[in-house]
Amino acid sequence: MDILGTTLRVCVDDLETAVPFYERLAGATAHLFERGGVEVAAIGCFLLMSGPEAELEVLRKVAATIAVKDVDEAHQVLSELGAHIIAGPVPTPVGRNLLALHPDGTIYEYADRQS
């Protein structure tokens, strides 16, 4: 399984206020979208999320997003290593993802950019 990078997940109260700070910090322009009632800004290695507390409570349980070449391959490797696949693979605005519970109890999102 090829791991291409990681994205830090940050829940913020006000996305509009947070975006300029993270754009300057990362030297990148925000890619804005909405998913499940949560406003999201992808900026460099940061994924800012803002929305209803009930939604953010769930999102906070995911430690990080790990970019992989192929989510199907990640699914196979994770399963072989004893991880529990919580959800996915499912389509996202830019590819596909899955959520996996590692044997140590940490939850990660694995995402690719394949359609």
Protein backbone atom coordinates (compact mmCIF):
# COMPACT_ATOMS: atom_id res chain seq x y z
CA MET A 1 0.00 0.00 0.00
CA ASP A 2 1.45 3.37 -1.01
CA ILE A 3 0.94 6.10 1.59
CA LEU A 4 1.24 9.44 -0.20
CA GLY A 5 0.86 11.79 2.78
CA THR A 6 -1.30 12.78 5.72
CA THR A 7 -3.78 15.54 6.41
CA LEU A 8 -4.34 17.01 9.85
CA ARG A 9 -8.01 17.38 10.75
CA VAL A 10 -8.88 20.61 12.58
CA CYS A 11 -12.37 21.47 13.87
CA VAL A 12 -12.92 25.24 14.01
CA ASP A 13 -15.78 27.41 15.25
CA ASP A 14 -15.65 29.84 12.32
CA LEU A 15 -14.32 28.59 9.00
CA GLU A 16 -14.37 32.03 7.41
CA THR A 17 -12.06 33.41 10.11
CA ALA A 18 -9.75 30.37 10.18
CA VAL A 19 -9.18 30.03 6.42
CA PRO A 20 -6.94 33.12 5.90
CA PHE A 21 -4.65 32.05 8.77
CA TYR A 22 -4.21 28.52 7.40
CA GLU A 23 -3.82 29.76 3.81
CA ARG A 24 -0.89 31.94 4.89
CA LEU A 25 0.53 29.21 7.13
CA ALA A 26 0.39 26.55 4.40
CA GLY A 27 1.11 28.87 1.47
CA ALA A 28 -1.89 27.41 -0.34
CA THR A 29 -5.40 28.41 -1.39
CA ALA A 30 -8.38 26.76 0.31
CA HIS A 31 -10.49 24.27 -1.60
CA LEU A 32 -13.97 24.73 -0.06
CA PHE A 33 -16.79 22.18 -0.07
CA GLU A 34 -19.61 20.90 2.12
CA ARG A 35 -20.22 17.35 3.22
CA GLY A 36 -23.00 16.11 5.46
CA GLY A 37 -23.83 19.58 6.78
CA VAL A 38 -20.19 20.34 7.61
CA GLU A 39 -18.31 23.11 5.81
CA VAL A 40 -14.80 22.00 4.87
CA ALA A 41 -11.66 23.80 3.71
CA ALA A 42 -8.75 21.72 2.42
CA ILE A 43 -5.58 23.83 2.68
CA GLY A 44 -2.24 22.15 2.14
CA CYS A 45 -1.90 19.47 4.81
CA PHE A 46 -4.82 20.87 6.85
CA LEU A 47 -8.49 19.91 6.64
CA LEU A 48 -10.56 22.52 8.48
CA MET A 49 -14.10 21.53 9.43
CA SER A 50 -16.93 23.62 10.88
CA GLY A 51 -20.55 22.77 11.50
CA PRO A 52 -23.07 21.38 13.97
CA GLU A 53 -21.47 20.10 17.17
CA ALA A 54 -23.10 16.67 16.77
CA GLU A 55 -21.34 16.23 13.41
CA LEU A 56 -18.01 17.58 14.67
CA GLU A 57 -18.12 15.23 17.66
CA VAL A 58 -18.02 12.29 15.25
CA LEU A 59 -15.32 13.88 13.05
CA ARG A 60 -13.06 14.51 16.06
CA LYS A 61 -12.80 10.77 16.60
CA VAL A 62 -10.76 10.43 13.38
CA ALA A 63 -7.08 11.13 14.18
CA ALA A 64 -5.95 12.01 10.64
CA THR A 65 -6.58 11.45 6.96
CA ILE A 66 -4.02 9.30 5.17
CA ALA A 67 -3.72 9.74 1.42
CA VAL A 68 -3.17 6.47 -0.40
CA LYS A 69 -2.80 5.54 -4.04
CA ASP A 70 -5.70 3.09 -3.94
CA VAL A 71 -8.37 2.74 -1.23
CA ASP A 72 -9.20 -0.81 -2.34
CA GLU A 73 -5.60 -1.85 -1.74
CA ALA A 74 -5.63 -0.05 1.63
CA HIS A 75 -8.82 -1.95 2.53
CA GLN A 76 -7.12 -5.27 1.77
CA VAL A 77 -3.90 -4.47 3.66
CA LEU A 78 -5.70 -3.03 6.68
CA SER A 79 -8.00 -6.05 6.89
CA GLU A 80 -5.04 -8.43 6.67
CA LEU A 81 -3.31 -6.53 9.49
CA GLY A 82 -6.34 -6.82 11.78
CA ALA A 83 -7.87 -3.36 11.38
CA HIS A 84 -11.65 -3.10 11.48
CA ILE A 85 -13.15 -1.27 8.50
CA ILE A 86 -15.85 0.97 9.97
CA ALA A 87 -17.12 2.46 6.70
CA GLY A 88 -16.31 2.40 3.01
CA PRO A 89 -14.93 2.51 0.56
CA VAL A 90 -17.37 5.25 -0.46
CA PRO A 91 -17.23 8.09 -3.00
CA THR A 92 -16.08 11.55 -1.88
CA PRO A 93 -15.97 14.88 -3.74
CA VAL A 94 -12.42 14.06 -4.93
CA GLY A 95 -12.18 10.26 -4.94
CA ARG A 96 -13.00 7.55 -2.40
CA ASN A 97 -12.39 6.92 1.27
CA LEU A 98 -12.79 4.46 4.11
CA LEU A 99 -12.61 4.66 7.88
CA ALA A 100 -10.52 2.08 9.71
CA LEU A 101 -10.17 1.30 13.40
CA HIS A 102 -6.58 0.20 14.03
CA PRO A 103 -5.91 -2.53 16.60
CA ASP A 104 -4.61 0.16 19.02
CA GLY A 105 -8.04 1.85 19.00
CA THR A 106 -7.13 4.80 16.74
CA ILE A 107 -9.47 5.67 13.85
CA TYR A 108 -8.03 6.93 10.56
CA GLU A 109 -9.56 7.96 7.28
CA TYR A 110 -7.84 6.55 4.18
CA ALA A 111 -8.54 8.48 0.97
CA ASP A 112 -7.55 8.29 -2.68
CA ARG A 113 -8.20 10.56 -5.63
CA GLN A 114 -9.62 7.88 -7.90
CA SER A 115 -13.20 8.20 -9.12
